[in-house]
């Protein structure tokens, strides 16, 4: 299948609401990282910085889980149903990289 098929697949599977929710979470995590950067610039206590970094890591993990869930529920199922073996292999590799 060509590039346009993959593009339309992406648009079909990942609704605007889903995408907006993920992007909102990303924006919050980015804002949180910026505030941690300021904490470091202000020479804040290391334990406070580490606590905030842990919170950001948790937020990123949660974003990853949302994307992974959609990936497994839609992208992989679609690729298997359409017998797109190369695409299935690409999806498996992406999952393996994620869970390392």
PDB file of N, CA and C in Angstrom:
ATOM      1  N   UNK A   1       0.828  -1.193   0.000  1.00  0.00           N
ATOM      2  CA  UNK A   1       0.000   0.000   0.000  1.00  0.00           C
ATOM      3  C   UNK A   1       0.864   1.245   0.000  1.00  0.00           C
ATOM      4  N   UNK A   2       0.395   2.262  -0.637  1.00  0.00           N
ATOM      5  CA  UNK A   2       1.166   3.499  -0.750  1.00  0.00           C
ATOM      6  C   UNK A   2       1.058   4.370   0.486  1.00  0.00           C
ATOM      7  N   UNK A   3       1.767   5.488   0.458  1.00  0.00           N
ATOM      8  CA  UNK A   3       1.806   6.432   1.575  1.00  0.00           C
ATOM      9  C   UNK A   3       0.419   6.974   1.896  1.00  0.00           C
ATOM     10  N   UNK A   4      -0.371   7.242   0.844  1.00  0.00           N
ATOM     11  CA  UNK A   4      -1.684   7.826   1.092  1.00  0.00           C
ATOM     12  C   UNK A   4      -2.592   6.867   1.851  1.00  0.00           C
ATOM     13  N   UNK A   5      -2.435   5.568   1.634  1.00  0.00           N
ATOM     14  CA  UNK A   5      -3.246   4.601   2.367  1.00  0.00           C
ATOM     15  C   UNK A   5      -2.910   4.640   3.848  1.00  0.00           C
ATOM     16  N   UNK A   6      -1.627   4.726   4.163  1.00  0.00           N
ATOM     17  CA  UNK A   6      -1.225   4.810   5.564  1.00  0.00           C
ATOM     18  C   UNK A   6      -1.755   6.098   6.181  1.00  0.00           C
ATOM     19  N   UNK A   7      -1.690   7.193   5.425  1.00  0.00           N
ATOM     20  CA  UNK A   7      -2.150   8.479   5.942  1.00  0.00           C
ATOM     21  C   UNK A   7      -3.641   8.413   6.247  1.00  0.00           C
ATOM     22  N   UNK A   8      -4.429   7.857   5.325  1.00  0.00           N
ATOM     23  CA  UNK A   8      -5.869   7.797   5.556  1.00  0.00           C
ATOM     24  C   UNK A   8      -6.166   6.840   6.709  1.00  0.00           C
ATOM     25  N   UNK A   9      -5.380   5.772   6.825  1.00  0.00           N
ATOM     26  CA  UNK A   9      -5.552   4.856   7.953  1.00  0.00           C
ATOM     27  C   UNK A   9      -5.345   5.611   9.258  1.00  0.00           C
ATOM     28  N   UNK A  10      -4.283   6.380   9.332  1.00  0.00           N
ATOM     29  CA  UNK A  10      -3.989   7.142  10.548  1.00  0.00           C
ATOM     30  C   UNK A  10      -5.155   8.053  10.894  1.00  0.00           C
ATOM     31  N   UNK A  11      -5.668   8.763   9.923  1.00  0.00           N
ATOM     32  CA  UNK A  11      -6.762   9.703  10.170  1.00  0.00           C
ATOM     33  C   UNK A  11      -8.017   8.952  10.600  1.00  0.00           C
ATOM     34  N   UNK A  12      -8.258   7.808  10.010  1.00  0.00           N
ATOM     35  CA  UNK A  12      -9.458   7.053  10.349  1.00  0.00           C
ATOM     36  C   UNK A  12      -9.399   6.536  11.783  1.00  0.00           C
ATOM     37  N   UNK A  13      -8.266   5.979  12.172  1.00  0.00           N
ATOM     38  CA  UNK A  13      -8.138   5.321  13.467  1.00  0.00           C
ATOM     39  C   UNK A  13      -8.018   6.313  14.607  1.00  0.00           C
ATOM     40  N   UNK A  14      -7.215   7.333  14.400  1.00  0.00           N
ATOM     41  CA  UNK A  14      -6.932   8.275  15.482  1.00  0.00           C
ATOM     42  C   UNK A  14      -7.823   9.499  15.318  1.00  0.00           C
ATOM     43  N   UNK A  15      -8.939   9.483  16.035  1.00  0.00           N
ATOM     44  CA  UNK A  15      -9.905  10.570  15.905  1.00  0.00           C
ATOM     45  C   UNK A  15      -9.291  11.880  16.393  1.00  0.00           C
ATOM     46  N   UNK A  16      -9.912  12.971  15.991  1.00  0.00           N
ATOM     47  CA  UNK A  16      -9.439  14.291  16.418  1.00  0.00           C
ATOM     48  C   UNK A  16      -9.482  14.415  17.939  1.00  0.00           C
ATOM     49  N   UNK A  17     -10.516  13.860  18.563  1.00  0.00           N
ATOM     50  CA  UNK A  17     -10.626  13.926  20.028  1.00  0.00           C
ATOM     51  C   UNK A  17      -9.478  13.183  20.698  1.00  0.00           C
ATOM     52  N   UNK A  18      -9.174  11.982  20.183  1.00  0.00           N
ATOM     53  CA  UNK A  18      -8.064  11.199  20.752  1.00  0.00           C
ATOM     54  C   UNK A  18      -6.749  11.956  20.594  1.00  0.00           C
ATOM     55  N   UNK A  19      -6.542  12.497  19.403  1.00  0.00           N
ATOM     56  CA  UNK A  19      -5.306  13.219  19.128  1.00  0.00           C
ATOM     57  C   UNK A  19      -5.206  14.461  20.018  1.00  0.00           C
ATOM     58  N   UNK A  20      -6.311  15.174  20.155  1.00  0.00           N
ATOM     59  CA  UNK A  20      -6.320  16.383  20.984  1.00  0.00           C
ATOM     60  C   UNK A  20      -5.999  16.041  22.434  1.00  0.00           C
ATOM     61  N   UNK A  21      -6.559  14.939  22.941  1.00  0.00           N
ATOM     62  CA  UNK A  21      -6.308  14.529  24.327  1.00  0.00           C
ATOM     63  C   UNK A  21      -4.829  14.213  24.536  1.00  0.00           C
ATOM     64  N   UNK A  22      -4.222  13.508  23.596  1.00  0.00           N
ATOM     65  CA  UNK A  22      -2.799  13.168  23.700  1.00  0.00           C
ATOM     66  C   UNK A  22      -1.957  14.437  23.617  1.00  0.00           C
ATOM     67  N   UNK A  23      -2.293  15.332  22.697  1.00  0.00           N
ATOM     68  CA  UNK A  23      -1.527  16.574  22.555  1.00  0.00           C
ATOM     69  C   UNK A  23      -1.661  17.451  23.800  1.00  0.00           C
ATOM     70  N   UNK A  24      -2.842  17.473  24.419  1.00  0.00           N
ATOM     71  CA  UNK A  24      -3.025  18.232  25.662  1.00  0.00           C
ATOM     72  C   UNK A  24      -2.141  17.663  26.764  1.00  0.00           C
ATOM     73  N   UNK A  25      -2.090  16.347  26.869  1.00  0.00           N
ATOM     74  CA  UNK A  25      -1.224  15.715  27.864  1.00  0.00           C
ATOM     75  C   UNK A  25       0.245  16.034  27.581  1.00  0.00           C
ATOM     76  N   UNK A  26       0.612  16.023  26.307  1.00  0.00           N
ATOM     77  CA  UNK A  26       1.993  16.358  25.930  1.00  0.00           C
ATOM     78  C   UNK A  26       2.310  17.797  26.330  1.00  0.00           C
ATOM     79  N   UNK A  27       1.398  18.696  26.070  1.00  0.00           N
ATOM     80  CA  UNK A  27       1.623  20.104  26.413  1.00  0.00           C
ATOM     81  C   UNK A  27       1.807  20.284  27.915  1.00  0.00           C
ATOM     82  N   UNK A  28       1.000  19.576  28.698  1.00  0.00           N
ATOM     83  CA  UNK A  28       1.149  19.660  30.155  1.00  0.00           C
ATOM     84  C   UNK A  28       2.505  19.120  30.603  1.00  0.00           C
ATOM     85  N   UNK A  29       2.936  18.004  30.021  1.00  0.00           N
ATOM     86  CA  UNK A  29       4.239  17.419  30.375  1.00  0.00           C
ATOM     87  C   UNK A  29       5.376  18.359  29.990  1.00  0.00           C
ATOM     88  N   UNK A  30       5.255  18.990  28.828  1.00  0.00           N
ATOM     89  CA  UNK A  30       6.278  19.947  28.389  1.00  0.00           C
ATOM     90  C   UNK A  30       6.328  21.139  29.342  1.00  0.00           C
ATOM     91  N   UNK A  31       5.161  21.641  29.726  1.00  0.00           N
ATOM     92  CA  UNK A  31       5.103  22.745  30.686  1.00  0.00           C
ATOM     93  C   UNK A  31       5.709  22.354  32.025  1.00  0.00           C
ATOM     94  N   UNK A  32       5.448  21.131  32.442  1.00  0.00           N
ATOM     95  CA  UNK A  32       5.991  20.634  33.697  1.00  0.00           C
ATOM     96  C   UNK A  32       7.523  20.564  33.610  1.00  0.00           C
ATOM     97  N   UNK A  33       8.035  20.073  32.486  1.00  0.00           N
ATOM     98  CA  UNK A  33       9.493  20.024  32.289  1.00  0.00           C
ATOM     99  C   UNK A  33      10.105  21.416  32.320  1.00  0.00           C
ATOM    100  N   UNK A  34       9.425  22.377  31.724  1.00  0.00           N
ATOM    101  CA  UNK A  34       9.918  23.754  31.744  1.00  0.00           C
ATOM    102  C   UNK A  34       9.994  24.278  33.180  1.00  0.00           C
ATOM    103  N   UNK A  35       8.980  23.928  33.993  1.00  0.00           N
ATOM    104  CA  UNK A  35       9.007  24.391  35.385  1.00  0.00           C
ATOM    105  C   UNK A  35      10.129  23.709  36.162  1.00  0.00           C
ATOM    106  N   UNK A  36      10.412  22.462  35.839  1.00  0.00           N
ATOM    107  CA  UNK A  36      11.528  21.766  36.497  1.00  0.00           C
ATOM    108  C   UNK A  36      12.855  22.392  36.079  1.00  0.00           C
ATOM    109  N   UNK A  37      12.944  22.777  34.833  1.00  0.00           N
ATOM    110  CA  UNK A  37      14.154  23.467  34.359  1.00  0.00           C
ATOM    111  C   UNK A  37      14.382  24.736  35.167  1.00  0.00           C
ATOM    112  N   UNK A  38      13.293  25.488  35.408  1.00  0.00           N
ATOM    113  CA  UNK A  38      13.406  26.708  36.216  1.00  0.00           C
ATOM    114  C   UNK A  38      13.809  26.382  37.651  1.00  0.00           C
ATOM    115  N   UNK A  39      13.298  25.280  38.185  1.00  0.00           N
ATOM    116  CA  UNK A  39      13.683  24.854  39.534  1.00  0.00           C
ATOM    117  C   UNK A  39      15.194  24.624  39.604  1.00  0.00           C
ATOM    118  N   UNK A  40      15.725  23.983  38.582  1.00  0.00           N
ATOM    119  CA  UNK A  40      17.172  23.715  38.552  1.00  0.00           C
ATOM    120  C   UNK A  40      17.941  25.022  38.429  1.00  0.00           C
ATOM    121  N   UNK A  41      17.447  25.922  37.567  1.00  0.00           N
ATOM    122  CA  UNK A  41      18.098  27.231  37.416  1.00  0.00           C
ATOM    123  C   UNK A  41      18.077  28.006  38.731  1.00  0.00           C
ATOM    124  N   UNK A  42      17.013  27.836  39.504  1.00  0.00           N
ATOM    125  CA  UNK A  42      16.876  28.526  40.792  1.00  0.00           C
ATOM    126  C   UNK A  42      17.557  27.782  41.936  1.00  0.00           C
ATOM    127  N   UNK A  43      18.263  26.712  41.578  1.00  0.00           N
ATOM    128  CA  UNK A  43      19.027  25.922  42.554  1.00  0.00           C
ATOM    129  C   UNK A  43      18.137  25.367  43.666  1.00  0.00           C
ATOM    130  N   UNK A  44      16.963  24.877  43.264  1.00  0.00           N
ATOM    131  CA  UNK A  44      16.028  24.282  44.228  1.00  0.00           C
ATOM    132  C   UNK A  44      16.576  22.954  44.747  1.00  0.00           C
ATOM    133  N   UNK A  45      16.027  22.516  45.839  1.00  0.00           N
ATOM    134  CA  UNK A  45      16.456  21.283  46.481  1.00  0.00           C
ATOM    135  C   UNK A  45      16.375  20.096  45.514  1.00  0.00           C
ATOM    136  N   UNK A  46      17.444  19.279  45.523  1.00  0.00           N
ATOM    137  CA  UNK A  46      17.533  18.141  44.603  1.00  0.00           C
ATOM    138  C   UNK A  46      16.369  17.171  44.773  1.00  0.00           C
ATOM    139  N   UNK A  47      15.942  16.943  46.004  1.00  0.00           N
ATOM    140  CA  UNK A  47      14.847  15.993  46.218  1.00  0.00           C
ATOM    141  C   UNK A  47      13.545  16.515  45.610  1.00  0.00           C
ATOM    142  N   UNK A  48      13.330  17.830  45.666  1.00  0.00           N
ATOM    143  CA  UNK A  48      12.145  18.421  45.022  1.00  0.00           C
ATOM    144  C   UNK A  48      12.206  18.219  43.513  1.00  0.00           C
ATOM    145  N   UNK A  49      13.390  18.473  42.940  1.00  0.00           N
ATOM    146  CA  UNK A  49      13.575  18.314  41.490  1.00  0.00           C
ATOM    147  C   UNK A  49      13.324  16.866  41.088  1.00  0.00           C
ATOM    148  N   UNK A  50      13.888  15.933  41.840  1.00  0.00           N
ATOM    149  CA  UNK A  50      13.710  14.513  41.524  1.00  0.00           C
ATOM    150  C   UNK A  50      12.249  14.086  41.637  1.00  0.00           C
ATOM    151  N   UNK A  51      11.550  14.622  42.615  1.00  0.00           N
ATOM    152  CA  UNK A  51      10.129  14.315  42.772  1.00  0.00           C
ATOM    153  C   UNK A  51       9.349  14.783  41.552  1.00  0.00           C
ATOM    154  N   UNK A  52       9.648  15.996  41.093  1.00  0.00           N
ATOM    155  CA  UNK A  52       8.956  16.537  39.920  1.00  0.00           C
ATOM    156  C   UNK A  52       9.329  15.778  38.647  1.00  0.00           C
ATOM    157  N   UNK A  53      10.600  15.388  38.530  1.00  0.00           N
ATOM    158  CA  UNK A  53      11.014  14.587  37.374  1.00  0.00           C
ATOM    159  C   UNK A  53      10.284  13.245  37.354  1.00  0.00           C
ATOM    160  N   UNK A  54      10.099  12.673  38.525  1.00  0.00           N
ATOM    161  CA  UNK A  54       9.361  11.415  38.623  1.00  0.00           C
ATOM    162  C   UNK A  54       7.920  11.600  38.137  1.00  0.00           C
ATOM    163  N   UNK A  55       7.320  12.720  38.493  1.00  0.00           N
ATOM    164  CA  UNK A  55       5.950  13.009  38.057  1.00  0.00           C
ATOM    165  C   UNK A  55       5.873  13.145  36.539  1.00  0.00           C
ATOM    166  N   UNK A  56       6.875  13.798  35.940  1.00  0.00           N
ATOM    167  CA  UNK A  56       6.888  13.958  34.479  1.00  0.00           C
ATOM    168  C   UNK A  56       7.085  12.606  33.808  1.00  0.00           C
ATOM    169  N   UNK A  57       7.984  11.805  34.370  1.00  0.00           N
ATOM    170  CA  UNK A  57       8.210  10.475  33.796  1.00  0.00           C
ATOM    171  C   UNK A  57       6.910   9.675  33.822  1.00  0.00           C
ATOM    172  N   UNK A  58       6.171   9.760  34.914  1.00  0.00           N
ATOM    173  CA  UNK A  58       4.890   9.069  35.025  1.00  0.00           C
ATOM    174  C   UNK A  58       3.903   9.581  33.966  1.00  0.00           C
ATOM    175  N   UNK A  59       3.865  10.895  33.766  1.00  0.00           N
ATOM    176  CA  UNK A  59       2.973  11.479  32.755  1.00  0.00           C
ATOM    177  C   UNK A  59       3.333  10.978  31.358  1.00  0.00           C
ATOM    178  N   UNK A  60       4.621  10.908  31.057  1.00  0.00           N
ATOM    179  CA  UNK A  60       5.068  10.435  29.742  1.00  0.00           C
ATOM    180  C   UNK A  60       4.722   8.955  29.575  1.00  0.00           C
ATOM    181  N   UNK A  61       4.897   8.184  30.637  1.00  0.00           N
ATOM    182  CA  UNK A  61       4.532   6.769  30.586  1.00  0.00           C
ATOM    183  C   UNK A  61       3.044   6.617  30.301  1.00  0.00           C
ATOM    184  N   UNK A  62       2.225   7.443  30.944  1.00  0.00           N
ATOM    185  CA  UNK A  62       0.781   7.373  30.709  1.00  0.00           C
ATOM    186  C   UNK A  62       0.417   7.759  29.278  1.00  0.00           C
ATOM    187  N   UNK A  63       1.082   8.763  28.727  1.00  0.00           N
ATOM    188  CA  UNK A  63       0.861   9.137  27.326  1.00  0.00           C
ATOM    189  C   UNK A  63       1.227   7.960  26.425  1.00  0.00           C
ATOM    190  N   UNK A  64       2.362   7.337  26.716  1.00  0.00           N
ATOM    191  CA  UNK A  64       2.813   6.190  25.929  1.00  0.00           C
ATOM    192  C   UNK A  64       1.807   5.049  25.990  1.00  0.00           C
ATOM    193  N   UNK A  65       1.233   4.811  27.160  1.00  0.00           N
ATOM    194  CA  UNK A  65       0.248   3.736  27.310  1.00  0.00           C
ATOM    195  C   UNK A  65      -0.998   3.998  26.475  1.00  0.00           C
ATOM    196  N   UNK A  66      -1.432   5.250  26.438  1.00  0.00           N
ATOM    197  CA  UNK A  66      -2.610   5.603  25.629  1.00  0.00           C
ATOM    198  C   UNK A  66      -2.322   5.322  24.157  1.00  0.00           C
ATOM    199  N   UNK A  67      -1.170   5.780  23.700  1.00  0.00           N
ATOM    200  CA  UNK A  67      -0.800   5.579  22.296  1.00  0.00           C
ATOM    201  C   UNK A  67      -0.648   4.087  22.003  1.00  0.00           C
ATOM    202  N   UNK A  68      -0.016   3.345  22.915  1.00  0.00           N
ATOM    203  CA  UNK A  68       0.174   1.907  22.744  1.00  0.00           C
ATOM    204  C   UNK A  68      -1.162   1.182  22.666  1.00  0.00           C
ATOM    205  N   UNK A  69      -2.103   1.568  23.534  1.00  0.00           N
ATOM    206  CA  UNK A  69      -3.417   0.929  23.526  1.00  0.00           C
ATOM    207  C   UNK A  69      -4.099   1.104  22.171  1.00  0.00           C
ATOM    208  N   UNK A  70      -4.082   2.337  21.664  1.00  0.00           N
ATOM    209  CA  UNK A  70      -4.695   2.585  20.353  1.00  0.00           C
ATOM    210  C   UNK A  70      -3.952   1.831  19.263  1.00  0.00           C
ATOM    211  N   UNK A  71      -2.658   1.776  19.403  1.00  0.00           N
ATOM    212  CA  UNK A  71      -1.803   1.069  18.450  1.00  0.00           C
ATOM    213  C   UNK A  71      -2.219  -0.399  18.371  1.00  0.00           C
ATOM    214  N   UNK A  72      -2.382  -1.027  19.521  1.00  0.00           N
ATOM    215  CA  UNK A  72      -2.728  -2.450  19.553  1.00  0.00           C
ATOM    216  C   UNK A  72      -4.172  -2.683  19.120  1.00  0.00           C
ATOM    217  N   UNK A  73      -5.078  -1.812  19.556  1.00  0.00           N
ATOM    218  CA  UNK A  73      -6.501  -2.014  19.257  1.00  0.00           C
ATOM    219  C   UNK A  73      -6.846  -1.749  17.806  1.00  0.00           C
ATOM    220  N   UNK A  74      -6.117  -0.834  17.192  1.00  0.00           N
ATOM    221  CA  UNK A  74      -6.503  -0.423  15.843  1.00  0.00           C
ATOM    222  C   UNK A  74      -5.444  -0.719  14.793  1.00  0.00           C
ATOM    223  N   UNK A  75      -4.249  -0.168  14.968  1.00  0.00           N
ATOM    224  CA  UNK A  75      -3.225  -0.255  13.926  1.00  0.00           C
ATOM    225  C   UNK A  75      -2.821  -1.694  13.640  1.00  0.00           C
ATOM    226  N   UNK A  76      -2.545  -2.449  14.696  1.00  0.00           N
ATOM    227  CA  UNK A  76      -2.099  -3.829  14.511  1.00  0.00           C
ATOM    228  C   UNK A  76      -3.238  -4.678  13.952  1.00  0.00           C
ATOM    229  N   UNK A  77      -4.432  -4.539  14.519  1.00  0.00           N
ATOM    230  CA  UNK A  77      -5.581  -5.303  14.036  1.00  0.00           C
ATOM    231  C   UNK A  77      -5.817  -5.016  12.550  1.00  0.00           C
ATOM    232  N   UNK A  78      -5.776  -3.756  12.189  1.00  0.00           N
ATOM    233  CA  UNK A  78      -5.989  -3.360  10.799  1.00  0.00           C
ATOM    234  C   UNK A  78      -4.932  -3.972   9.883  1.00  0.00           C
ATOM    235  N   UNK A  79      -3.667  -3.924  10.305  1.00  0.00           N
ATOM    236  CA  UNK A  79      -2.580  -4.463   9.484  1.00  0.00           C
ATOM    237  C   UNK A  79      -2.718  -5.970   9.315  1.00  0.00           C
ATOM    238  N   UNK A  80      -3.081  -6.681  10.379  1.00  0.00           N
ATOM    239  CA  UNK A  80      -3.249  -8.136  10.299  1.00  0.00           C
ATOM    240  C   UNK A  80      -4.427  -8.470   9.383  1.00  0.00           C
ATOM    241  N   UNK A  81      -5.536  -7.776   9.558  1.00  0.00           N
ATOM    242  CA  UNK A  81      -6.733  -8.048   8.745  1.00  0.00           C
ATOM    243  C   UNK A  81      -6.465  -7.809   7.262  1.00  0.00           C
ATOM    244  N   UNK A  82      -5.604  -6.831   6.968  1.00  0.00           N
ATOM    245  CA  UNK A  82      -5.296  -6.516   5.570  1.00  0.00           C
ATOM    246  C   UNK A  82      -4.068  -7.266   5.063  1.00  0.00           C
ATOM    247  N   UNK A  83      -3.574  -8.206   5.882  1.00  0.00           N
ATOM    248  CA  UNK A  83      -2.443  -9.055   5.509  1.00  0.00           C
ATOM    249  C   UNK A  83      -1.229  -8.231   5.079  1.00  0.00           C
ATOM    250  N   UNK A  84      -0.970  -7.156   5.818  1.00  0.00           N
ATOM    251  CA  UNK A  84       0.178  -6.281   5.543  1.00  0.00           C
ATOM    252  C   UNK A  84       1.312  -6.699   6.468  1.00  0.00           C
ATOM    253  N   UNK A  85       2.009  -7.782   6.065  1.00  0.00           N
ATOM    254  CA  UNK A  85       3.003  -8.403   6.937  1.00  0.00           C
ATOM    255  C   UNK A  85       4.160  -7.468   7.274  1.00  0.00           C
ATOM    256  N   UNK A  86       4.601  -6.683   6.313  1.00  0.00           N
ATOM    257  CA  UNK A  86       5.704  -5.744   6.572  1.00  0.00           C
ATOM    258  C   UNK A  86       5.286  -4.711   7.611  1.00  0.00           C
ATOM    259  N   UNK A  87       4.062  -4.242   7.490  1.00  0.00           N
ATOM    260  CA  UNK A  87       3.553  -3.257   8.442  1.00  0.00           C
ATOM    261  C   UNK A  87       3.404  -3.874   9.842  1.00  0.00           C
ATOM    262  N   UNK A  88       2.942  -5.111   9.897  1.00  0.00           N
ATOM    263  CA  UNK A  88       2.835  -5.811  11.182  1.00  0.00           C
ATOM    264  C   UNK A  88       4.215  -5.890  11.823  1.00  0.00           C
ATOM    265  N   UNK A  89       5.231  -6.236  11.024  1.00  0.00           N
ATOM    266  CA  UNK A  89       6.597  -6.340  11.549  1.00  0.00           C
ATOM    267  C   UNK A  89       7.078  -4.979  12.068  1.00  0.00           C
ATOM    268  N   UNK A  90       6.793  -3.914  11.337  1.00  0.00           N
ATOM    269  CA  UNK A  90       7.168  -2.561  11.781  1.00  0.00           C
ATOM    270  C   UNK A  90       6.497  -2.225  13.118  1.00  0.00           C
ATOM    271  N   UNK A  91       5.235  -2.572  13.245  1.00  0.00           N
ATOM    272  CA  UNK A  91       4.496  -2.301  14.471  1.00  0.00           C
ATOM    273  C   UNK A  91       5.082  -3.097  15.643  1.00  0.00           C
ATOM    274  N   UNK A  92       5.449  -4.362  15.382  1.00  0.00           N
ATOM    275  CA  UNK A  92       6.063  -5.187  16.436  1.00  0.00           C
ATOM    276  C   UNK A  92       7.388  -4.581  16.880  1.00  0.00           C
ATOM    277  N   UNK A  93       8.186  -4.112  15.947  1.00  0.00           N
ATOM    278  CA  UNK A  93       9.471  -3.487  16.287  1.00  0.00           C
ATOM    279  C   UNK A  93       9.256  -2.226  17.127  1.00  0.00           C
ATOM    280  N   UNK A  94       8.244  -1.441  16.787  1.00  0.00           N
ATOM    281  CA  UNK A  94       7.951  -0.216  17.556  1.00  0.00           C
ATOM    282  C   UNK A  94       7.586  -0.573  18.998  1.00  0.00           C
ATOM    283  N   UNK A  95       6.802  -1.625  19.172  1.00  0.00           N
ATOM    284  CA  UNK A  95       6.419  -2.064  20.517  1.00  0.00           C
ATOM    285  C   UNK A  95       7.654  -2.535  21.278  1.00  0.00           C
ATOM    286  N   UNK A  96       8.503  -3.306  20.621  1.00  0.00           N
ATOM    287  CA  UNK A  96       9.724  -3.807  21.283  1.00  0.00           C
ATOM    288  C   UNK A  96      10.613  -2.659  21.731  1.00  0.00           C
ATOM    289  N   UNK A  97      10.766  -1.637  20.897  1.00  0.00           N
ATOM    290  CA  UNK A  97      11.571  -0.471  21.287  1.00  0.00           C
ATOM    291  C   UNK A  97      10.944   0.227  22.480  1.00  0.00           C
ATOM    292  N   UNK A  98       9.635   0.328  22.485  1.00  0.00           N
ATOM    293  CA  UNK A  98       8.926   1.017  23.560  1.00  0.00           C
ATOM    294  C   UNK A  98       9.097   0.325  24.897  1.00  0.00           C
ATOM    295  N   UNK A  99       9.038  -1.016  24.916  1.00  0.00           N
ATOM    296  CA  UNK A  99       9.048  -1.733  26.192  1.00  0.00           C
ATOM    297  C   UNK A  99      10.454  -2.059  26.696  1.00  0.00           C
ATOM    298  N   UNK A 100      11.480  -1.657  25.977  1.00  0.00           N
ATOM    299  CA  UNK A 100      12.853  -1.908  26.433  1.00  0.00           C
ATOM    300  C   UNK A 100      13.124  -1.226  27.732  1.00  0.00           C
TER     301      UNK A 100
END
